[in-house]
Amino acid sequence: MNSAILALFVVMPIRPHGLFIFIAMEPTTQYYESEFEKFLNEFKRQHPDIVSKQREARAIWWDKPLPSPEEMESASMFEVKWKSYSYD
């Protein structure tokens, strides 16, 4: 879409009459980018393999398959039964 033609219309109520006005606004193409975000983007440009390393490291601890029902049953046999009142 051509950005020169594209416009954003904003509807604003006028008080106390309850009328509405339409304001044509030019869309902004530039967004705010914090210093930290600039640093991360530059770091990712300099180290393109970092994303794959992050995924590998995440898979070590978090991306695990769920245990099968048989494994869950065998694990429940070794659970410690807690008393409802622990001061007996």
PDB file of N, CA and C in Angstrom:
ATOM      1  N   MET A   1       0.839  -1.174   0.000  1.00  0.00           N
ATOM      2  CA  MET A   1       0.000   0.000   0.000  1.00  0.00           C
ATOM      3  C   MET A   1       0.885   1.238   0.000  1.00  0.00           C
ATOM      4  N   ASN A   2       0.540   2.203  -0.751  1.00  0.00           N
ATOM      5  CA  ASN A   2       1.323   3.428  -0.860  1.00  0.00           C
ATOM      6  C   ASN A   2       1.134   4.255   0.412  1.00  0.00           C
ATOM      7  N   SER A   3       2.246   4.591   1.065  1.00  0.00           N
ATOM      8  CA  SER A   3       2.140   5.324   2.338  1.00  0.00           C
ATOM      9  C   SER A   3       1.689   6.767   2.144  1.00  0.00           C
ATOM     10  N   ALA A   4       1.865   7.316   0.929  1.00  0.00           N
ATOM     11  CA  ALA A   4       1.415   8.689   0.680  1.00  0.00           C
ATOM     12  C   ALA A   4      -0.108   8.757   0.637  1.00  0.00           C
ATOM     13  N   ILE A   5      -0.741   7.679   0.213  1.00  0.00           N
ATOM     14  CA  ILE A   5      -2.196   7.652   0.125  1.00  0.00           C
ATOM     15  C   ILE A   5      -2.823   7.238   1.446  1.00  0.00           C
ATOM     16  N   LEU A   6      -2.154   6.378   2.180  1.00  0.00           N
ATOM     17  CA  LEU A   6      -2.689   5.845   3.433  1.00  0.00           C
ATOM     18  C   LEU A   6      -2.788   6.935   4.490  1.00  0.00           C
ATOM     19  N   ALA A   7      -3.915   7.048   5.100  1.00  0.00           N
ATOM     20  CA  ALA A   7      -4.109   8.014   6.176  1.00  0.00           C
ATOM     21  C   ALA A   7      -4.925   7.357   7.271  1.00  0.00           C
ATOM     22  N   LEU A   8      -4.698   7.781   8.482  1.00  0.00           N
ATOM     23  CA  LEU A   8      -5.413   7.248   9.626  1.00  0.00           C
ATOM     24  C   LEU A   8      -6.435   8.274  10.060  1.00  0.00           C
ATOM     25  N   PHE A   9      -7.676   7.844  10.210  1.00  0.00           N
ATOM     26  CA  PHE A   9      -8.735   8.747  10.639  1.00  0.00           C
ATOM     27  C   PHE A   9      -9.023   8.530  12.107  1.00  0.00           C
ATOM     28  N   VAL A  10      -9.070   9.600  12.854  1.00  0.00           N
ATOM     29  CA  VAL A  10      -9.344   9.556  14.286  1.00  0.00           C
ATOM     30  C   VAL A  10     -10.675  10.242  14.525  1.00  0.00           C
ATOM     31  N   VAL A  11     -11.536   9.577  15.288  1.00  0.00           N
ATOM     32  CA  VAL A  11     -12.833  10.154  15.617  1.00  0.00           C
ATOM     33  C   VAL A  11     -12.738  10.712  17.027  1.00  0.00           C
ATOM     34  N   MET A  12     -13.021  11.993  17.166  1.00  0.00           N
ATOM     35  CA  MET A  12     -12.941  12.633  18.468  1.00  0.00           C
ATOM     36  C   MET A  12     -14.285  13.277  18.802  1.00  0.00           C
ATOM     37  N   PRO A  13     -14.819  13.008  19.991  1.00  0.00           N
ATOM     38  CA  PRO A  13     -16.077  13.663  20.362  1.00  0.00           C
ATOM     39  C   PRO A  13     -15.834  15.120  20.764  1.00  0.00           C
ATOM     40  N   ILE A  14     -16.767  15.980  20.399  1.00  0.00           N
ATOM     41  CA  ILE A  14     -16.706  17.383  20.809  1.00  0.00           C
ATOM     42  C   ILE A  14     -17.726  17.570  21.923  1.00  0.00           C
ATOM     43  N   ARG A  15     -17.296  18.028  23.046  1.00  0.00           N
ATOM     44  CA  ARG A  15     -18.217  18.237  24.156  1.00  0.00           C
ATOM     45  C   ARG A  15     -18.661  19.675  24.186  1.00  0.00           C
ATOM     46  N   PRO A  16     -19.756  20.034  24.632  1.00  0.00           N
ATOM     47  CA  PRO A  16     -20.859  19.300  25.245  1.00  0.00           C
ATOM     48  C   PRO A  16     -21.903  18.879  24.238  1.00  0.00           C
ATOM     49  N   HIS A  17     -21.667  19.114  22.947  1.00  0.00           N
ATOM     50  CA  HIS A  17     -22.697  18.875  21.943  1.00  0.00           C
ATOM     51  C   HIS A  17     -22.848  17.406  21.577  1.00  0.00           C
ATOM     52  N   GLY A  18     -21.844  16.596  21.859  1.00  0.00           N
ATOM     53  CA  GLY A  18     -21.907  15.198  21.473  1.00  0.00           C
ATOM     54  C   GLY A  18     -21.646  14.972  20.004  1.00  0.00           C
ATOM     55  N   LEU A  19     -21.074  15.956  19.318  1.00  0.00           N
ATOM     56  CA  LEU A  19     -20.753  15.818  17.904  1.00  0.00           C
ATOM     57  C   LEU A  19     -19.389  15.146  17.756  1.00  0.00           C
ATOM     58  N   PHE A  20     -19.132  14.613  16.592  1.00  0.00           N
ATOM     59  CA  PHE A  20     -17.853  13.968  16.329  1.00  0.00           C
ATOM     60  C   PHE A  20     -17.164  14.683  15.174  1.00  0.00           C
ATOM     61  N   ILE A  21     -15.853  14.784  15.280  1.00  0.00           N
ATOM     62  CA  ILE A  21     -15.078  15.316  14.164  1.00  0.00           C
ATOM     63  C   ILE A  21     -14.124  14.239  13.686  1.00  0.00           C
ATOM     64  N   PHE A  22     -13.788  14.289  12.425  1.00  0.00           N
ATOM     65  CA  PHE A  22     -12.849  13.338  11.857  1.00  0.00           C
ATOM     66  C   PHE A  22     -11.564  14.081  11.536  1.00  0.00           C
ATOM     67  N   ILE A  23     -10.458  13.563  12.039  1.00  0.00           N
ATOM     68  CA  ILE A  23      -9.164  14.179  11.795  1.00  0.00           C
ATOM     69  C   ILE A  23      -8.328  13.181  11.008  1.00  0.00           C
ATOM     70  N   ALA A  24      -7.821  13.607   9.877  1.00  0.00           N
ATOM     71  CA  ALA A  24      -6.942  12.755   9.081  1.00  0.00           C
ATOM     72  C   ALA A  24      -5.518  12.947   9.586  1.00  0.00           C
ATOM     73  N   MET A  25      -4.885  11.840   9.964  1.00  0.00           N
ATOM     74  CA  MET A  25      -3.519  11.892  10.477  1.00  0.00           C
ATOM     75  C   MET A  25      -2.632  11.046   9.579  1.00  0.00           C
ATOM     76  N   GLU A  26      -1.462  11.515   9.348  1.00  0.00           N
ATOM     77  CA  GLU A  26      -0.485  10.766   8.567  1.00  0.00           C
ATOM     78  C   GLU A  26       0.089   9.663   9.462  1.00  0.00           C
ATOM     79  N   PRO A  27       0.137   8.415   9.001  1.00  0.00           N
ATOM     80  CA  PRO A  27       0.680   7.349   9.852  1.00  0.00           C
ATOM     81  C   PRO A  27       2.180   7.520  10.055  1.00  0.00           C
ATOM     82  N   THR A  28       2.637   7.202  11.237  1.00  0.00           N
ATOM     83  CA  THR A  28       4.058   7.301  11.532  1.00  0.00           C
ATOM     84  C   THR A  28       4.741   6.002  11.152  1.00  0.00           C
ATOM     85  N   THR A  29       5.866   6.100  10.525  1.00  0.00           N
ATOM     86  CA  THR A  29       6.622   4.915  10.137  1.00  0.00           C
ATOM     87  C   THR A  29       7.794   4.675  11.071  1.00  0.00           C
ATOM     88  N   GLN A  30       8.103   5.621  11.914  1.00  0.00           N
ATOM     89  CA  GLN A  30       9.227   5.507  12.818  1.00  0.00           C
ATOM     90  C   GLN A  30       8.702   5.254  14.226  1.00  0.00           C
ATOM     91  N   TYR A  31       9.195   4.217  14.871  1.00  0.00           N
ATOM     92  CA  TYR A  31       8.766   3.856  16.210  1.00  0.00           C
ATOM     93  C   TYR A  31       9.897   4.099  17.197  1.00  0.00           C
ATOM     94  N   TYR A  32       9.519   4.279  18.452  1.00  0.00           N
ATOM     95  CA  TYR A  32      10.520   4.483  19.500  1.00  0.00           C
ATOM     96  C   TYR A  32      11.264   3.186  19.739  1.00  0.00           C
ATOM     97  N   GLU A  33      12.572   3.286  19.874  1.00  0.00           N
ATOM     98  CA  GLU A  33      13.407   2.136  20.157  1.00  0.00           C
ATOM     99  C   GLU A  33      14.347   2.527  21.294  1.00  0.00           C
ATOM    100  N   SER A  34      14.225   1.825  22.419  1.00  0.00           N
ATOM    101  CA  SER A  34      15.045   2.154  23.582  1.00  0.00           C
ATOM    102  C   SER A  34      16.508   1.785  23.327  1.00  0.00           C
ATOM    103  N   GLU A  35      17.384   2.270  24.190  1.00  0.00           N
ATOM    104  CA  GLU A  35      18.812   1.970  24.049  1.00  0.00           C
ATOM    105  C   GLU A  35      19.075   0.484  24.212  1.00  0.00           C
ATOM    106  N   PHE A  36      18.337  -0.135  25.138  1.00  0.00           N
ATOM    107  CA  PHE A  36      18.524  -1.564  25.362  1.00  0.00           C
ATOM    108  C   PHE A  36      18.083  -2.370  24.143  1.00  0.00           C
ATOM    109  N   GLU A  37      16.970  -1.969  23.543  1.00  0.00           N
ATOM    110  CA  GLU A  37      16.487  -2.646  22.346  1.00  0.00           C
ATOM    111  C   GLU A  37      17.469  -2.461  21.191  1.00  0.00           C
ATOM    112  N   LYS A  38      18.051  -1.283  21.069  1.00  0.00           N
ATOM    113  CA  LYS A  38      19.070  -1.048  20.044  1.00  0.00           C
ATOM    114  C   LYS A  38      20.281  -1.952  20.271  1.00  0.00           C
ATOM    115  N   PHE A  39      20.680  -2.060  21.550  1.00  0.00           N
ATOM    116  CA  PHE A  39      21.806  -2.922  21.885  1.00  0.00           C
ATOM    117  C   PHE A  39      21.514  -4.373  21.511  1.00  0.00           C
ATOM    118  N   LEU A  40      20.317  -4.876  21.870  1.00  0.00           N
ATOM    119  CA  LEU A  40      19.973  -6.261  21.559  1.00  0.00           C
ATOM    120  C   LEU A  40      19.918  -6.508  20.062  1.00  0.00           C
ATOM    121  N   ASN A  41      19.331  -5.587  19.330  1.00  0.00           N
ATOM    122  CA  ASN A  41      19.253  -5.754  17.880  1.00  0.00           C
ATOM    123  C   ASN A  41      20.643  -5.758  17.243  1.00  0.00           C
ATOM    124  N   GLU A  42      21.505  -4.877  17.710  1.00  0.00           N
ATOM    125  CA  GLU A  42      22.877  -4.835  17.185  1.00  0.00           C
ATOM    126  C   GLU A  42      23.639  -6.109  17.559  1.00  0.00           C
ATOM    127  N   PHE A  43      23.438  -6.571  18.792  1.00  0.00           N
ATOM    128  CA  PHE A  43      24.100  -7.801  19.239  1.00  0.00           C
ATOM    129  C   PHE A  43      23.645  -8.992  18.397  1.00  0.00           C
ATOM    130  N   LYS A  44      22.351  -9.064  18.100  1.00  0.00           N
ATOM    131  CA  LYS A  44      21.840 -10.159  17.270  1.00  0.00           C
ATOM    132  C   LYS A  44      22.356 -10.069  15.839  1.00  0.00           C
ATOM    133  N   ARG A  45      22.576  -8.847  15.338  1.00  0.00           N
ATOM    134  CA  ARG A  45      23.148  -8.696  13.998  1.00  0.00           C
ATOM    135  C   ARG A  45      24.599  -9.168  13.976  1.00  0.00           C
ATOM    136  N   GLN A  46      25.337  -8.882  15.055  1.00  0.00           N
ATOM    137  CA  GLN A  46      26.740  -9.286  15.113  1.00  0.00           C
ATOM    138  C   GLN A  46      26.905 -10.774  15.404  1.00  0.00           C
ATOM    139  N   HIS A  47      25.941 -11.372  16.113  1.00  0.00           N
ATOM    140  CA  HIS A  47      26.001 -12.785  16.493  1.00  0.00           C
ATOM    141  C   HIS A  47      24.723 -13.487  16.011  1.00  0.00           C
ATOM    142  N   PRO A  48      24.630 -13.821  14.737  1.00  0.00           N
ATOM    143  CA  PRO A  48      23.385 -14.406  14.217  1.00  0.00           C
ATOM    144  C   PRO A  48      23.069 -15.794  14.771  1.00  0.00           C
ATOM    145  N   ASP A  49      24.050 -16.488  15.331  1.00  0.00           N
ATOM    146  CA  ASP A  49      23.816 -17.833  15.860  1.00  0.00           C
ATOM    147  C   ASP A  49      23.267 -17.828  17.282  1.00  0.00           C
ATOM    148  N   ILE A  50      23.139 -16.660  17.898  1.00  0.00           N
ATOM    149  CA  ILE A  50      22.726 -16.586  19.302  1.00  0.00           C
ATOM    150  C   ILE A  50      21.297 -17.084  19.503  1.00  0.00           C
ATOM    151  N   VAL A  51      20.417 -16.879  18.546  1.00  0.00           N
ATOM    152  CA  VAL A  51      19.026 -17.307  18.689  1.00  0.00           C
ATOM    153  C   VAL A  51      18.946 -18.827  18.733  1.00  0.00           C
ATOM    154  N   SER A  52      19.696 -19.500  17.871  1.00  0.00           N
ATOM    155  CA  SER A  52      19.680 -20.969  17.888  1.00  0.00           C
ATOM    156  C   SER A  52      20.293 -21.502  19.183  1.00  0.00           C
ATOM    157  N   LYS A  53      21.314 -20.830  19.699  1.00  0.00           N
ATOM    158  CA  LYS A  53      21.907 -21.252  20.979  1.00  0.00           C
ATOM    159  C   LYS A  53      20.921 -21.062  22.129  1.00  0.00           C
ATOM    160  N   GLN A  54      20.146 -19.983  22.091  1.00  0.00           N
ATOM    161  CA  GLN A  54      19.134 -19.763  23.119  1.00  0.00           C
ATOM    162  C   GLN A  54      18.096 -20.872  23.085  1.00  0.00           C
ATOM    163  N   ARG A  55      17.668 -21.267  21.899  1.00  0.00           N
ATOM    164  CA  ARG A  55      16.675 -22.344  21.784  1.00  0.00           C
ATOM    165  C   ARG A  55      17.231 -23.660  22.299  1.00  0.00           C
ATOM    166  N   GLU A  56      18.491 -23.947  21.996  1.00  0.00           N
ATOM    167  CA  GLU A  56      19.116 -25.175  22.485  1.00  0.00           C
ATOM    168  C   GLU A  56      19.200 -25.168  24.009  1.00  0.00           C
ATOM    169  N   ALA A  57      19.584 -24.043  24.583  1.00  0.00           N
ATOM    170  CA  ALA A  57      19.695 -23.953  26.038  1.00  0.00           C
ATOM    171  C   ALA A  57      18.329 -24.069  26.705  1.00  0.00           C
ATOM    172  N   ARG A  58      17.319 -23.503  26.092  1.00  0.00           N
ATOM    173  CA  ARG A  58      15.972 -23.628  26.641  1.00  0.00           C
ATOM    174  C   ARG A  58      15.523 -25.084  26.608  1.00  0.00           C
ATOM    175  N   ALA A  59      15.855 -25.792  25.540  1.00  0.00           N
ATOM    176  CA  ALA A  59      15.437 -27.188  25.406  1.00  0.00           C
ATOM    177  C   ALA A  59      16.050 -28.071  26.486  1.00  0.00           C
ATOM    178  N   ILE A  60      17.202 -27.683  27.005  1.00  0.00           N
ATOM    179  CA  ILE A  60      17.842 -28.490  28.048  1.00  0.00           C
ATOM    180  C   ILE A  60      16.959 -28.574  29.288  1.00  0.00           C
ATOM    181  N   TRP A  61      16.375 -27.449  29.681  1.00  0.00           N
ATOM    182  CA  TRP A  61      15.630 -27.410  30.943  1.00  0.00           C
ATOM    183  C   TRP A  61      14.129 -27.418  30.785  1.00  0.00           C
ATOM    184  N   TRP A  62      13.585 -26.843  29.723  1.00  0.00           N
ATOM    185  CA  TRP A  62      12.150 -26.603  29.679  1.00  0.00           C
ATOM    186  C   TRP A  62      11.399 -27.407  28.639  1.00  0.00           C
ATOM    187  N   ASP A  63      11.913 -27.552  27.458  1.00  0.00           N
ATOM    188  CA  ASP A  63      11.172 -28.211  26.381  1.00  0.00           C
ATOM    189  C   ASP A  63      11.335 -29.717  26.477  1.00  0.00           C
ATOM    190  N   LYS A  64      10.592 -30.309  27.395  1.00  0.00           N
ATOM    191  CA  LYS A  64      10.653 -31.743  27.624  1.00  0.00           C
ATOM    192  C   LYS A  64       9.317 -32.378  27.260  1.00  0.00           C
ATOM    193  N   PRO A  65       9.330 -33.609  26.780  1.00  0.00           N
ATOM    194  CA  PRO A  65       8.053 -34.280  26.522  1.00  0.00           C
ATOM    195  C   PRO A  65       7.373 -34.640  27.849  1.00  0.00           C
ATOM    196  N   LEU A  66       6.071 -34.709  27.831  1.00  0.00           N
ATOM    197  CA  LEU A  66       5.328 -35.076  29.027  1.00  0.00           C
ATOM    198  C   LEU A  66       5.534 -36.555  29.331  1.00  0.00           C
ATOM    199  N   PRO A  67       5.551 -36.919  30.621  1.00  0.00           N
ATOM    200  CA  PRO A  67       5.721 -38.338  30.955  1.00  0.00           C
ATOM    201  C   PRO A  67       4.484 -39.137  30.552  1.00  0.00           C
ATOM    202  N   SER A  68       4.714 -40.387  30.249  1.00  0.00           N
ATOM    203  CA  SER A  68       3.601 -41.262  29.877  1.00  0.00           C
ATOM    204  C   SER A  68       2.784 -41.604  31.126  1.00  0.00           C
ATOM    205  N   PRO A  69       1.560 -42.088  30.963  1.00  0.00           N
ATOM    206  CA  PRO A  69       0.752 -42.465  32.143  1.00  0.00           C
ATOM    207  C   PRO A  69       1.407 -43.546  32.998  1.00  0.00           C
ATOM    208  N   GLU A  70       2.142 -44.459  32.366  1.00  0.00           N
ATOM    209  CA  GLU A  70       2.826 -45.507  33.138  1.00  0.00           C
ATOM    210  C   GLU A  70       3.921 -44.906  34.014  1.00  0.00           C
ATOM    211  N   GLU A  71       4.652 -43.947  33.469  1.00  0.00           N
ATOM    212  CA  GLU A  71       5.702 -43.290  34.257  1.00  0.00           C
ATOM    213  C   GLU A  71       5.097 -42.487  35.407  1.00  0.00           C
ATOM    214  N   MET A  72       3.967 -41.877  35.171  1.00  0.00           N
ATOM    215  CA  MET A  72       3.315 -41.114  36.232  1.00  0.00           C
ATOM    216  C   MET A  72       2.826 -42.032  37.348  1.00  0.00           C
ATOM    217  N   GLU A  73       2.304 -43.220  36.999  1.00  0.00           N
ATOM    218  CA  GLU A  73       1.864 -44.169  38.019  1.00  0.00           C
ATOM    219  C   GLU A  73       3.038 -44.662  38.850  1.00  0.00           C
ATOM    220  N   SER A  74       4.150 -44.979  38.192  1.00  0.00           N
ATOM    221  CA  SER A  74       5.312 -45.473  38.937  1.00  0.00           C
ATOM    222  C   SER A  74       5.896 -44.381  39.829  1.00  0.00           C
ATOM    223  N   ALA A  75       5.824 -43.139  39.388  1.00  0.00           N
ATOM    224  CA  ALA A  75       6.337 -42.041  40.212  1.00  0.00           C
ATOM    225  C   ALA A  75       5.431 -41.789  41.405  1.00  0.00           C
ATOM    226  N   SER A  76       4.132 -41.996  41.235  1.00  0.00           N
ATOM    227  CA  SER A  76       3.210 -41.748  42.356  1.00  0.00           C
ATOM    228  C   SER A  76       3.369 -42.784  43.457  1.00  0.00           C
ATOM    229  N   MET A  77       3.936 -43.955  43.144  1.00  0.00           N
ATOM    230  CA  MET A  77       4.159 -44.972  44.180  1.00  0.00           C
ATOM    231  C   MET A  77       5.192 -44.501  45.190  1.00  0.00           C
ATOM    232  N   PHE A  78       6.105 -43.620  44.793  1.00  0.00           N
ATOM    233  CA  PHE A  78       7.183 -43.188  45.662  1.00  0.00           C
ATOM    234  C   PHE A  78       6.910 -41.859  46.347  1.00  0.00           C
ATOM    235  N   GLU A  79       5.689 -41.334  46.218  1.00  0.00           N
ATOM    236  CA  GLU A  79       5.359 -40.068  46.868  1.00  0.00           C
ATOM    237  C   GLU A  79       5.229 -40.263  48.375  1.00  0.00           C
ATOM    238  N   VAL A  80       5.622 -39.258  49.108  1.00  0.00           N
ATOM    239  CA  VAL A  80       5.473 -39.275  50.560  1.00  0.00           C
ATOM    240  C   VAL A  80       4.087 -38.756  50.891  1.00  0.00           C
ATOM    241  N   LYS A  81       3.338 -39.520  51.690  1.00  0.00           N
ATOM    242  CA  LYS A  81       1.998 -39.104  52.082  1.00  0.00           C
ATOM    243  C   LYS A  81       2.112 -38.115  53.242  1.00  0.00           C
ATOM    244  N   TRP A  82       1.577 -36.941  53.047  1.00  0.00           N
ATOM    245  CA  TRP A  82       1.615 -35.905  54.063  1.00  0.00           C
ATOM    246  C   TRP A  82       0.396 -36.020  54.963  1.00  0.00           C
ATOM    247  N   LYS A  83       0.608 -35.734  56.255  1.00  0.00           N
ATOM    248  CA  LYS A  83      -0.492 -35.711  57.200  1.00  0.00           C
ATOM    249  C   LYS A  83      -1.288 -34.428  56.994  1.00  0.00           C
ATOM    250  N   SER A  84      -2.556 -34.477  57.312  1.00  0.00           N
ATOM    251  CA  SER A  84      -3.357 -33.265  57.190  1.00  0.00           C
ATOM    252  C   SER A  84      -2.997 -32.243  58.259  1.00  0.00           C
ATOM    253  N   TYR A  85      -2.540 -32.743  59.426  1.00  0.00           N
ATOM    254  CA  TYR A  85      -2.091 -31.857  60.501  1.00  0.00           C
ATOM    255  C   TYR A  85      -0.685 -32.285  60.868  1.00  0.00           C
ATOM    256  N   SER A  86       0.279 -31.441  60.616  1.00  0.00           N
ATOM    257  CA  SER A  86       1.672 -31.871  60.745  1.00  0.00           C
ATOM    258  C   SER A  86       2.237 -31.790  62.147  1.00  0.00           C
ATOM    259  N   TYR A  87       1.459 -31.333  63.145  1.00  0.00           N
ATOM    260  CA  TYR A  87       2.002 -31.178  64.497  1.00  0.00           C
ATOM    261  C   TYR A  87       1.620 -32.341  65.405  1.00  0.00           C
ATOM    262  N   ASP A  88       1.230 -33.482  64.868  1.00  0.00           N
ATOM    263  CA  ASP A  88       0.935 -34.674  65.691  1.00  0.00           C
ATOM    264  C   ASP A  88       2.194 -35.385  66.068  1.00  0.00           C
TER     265      ASP A  88
END
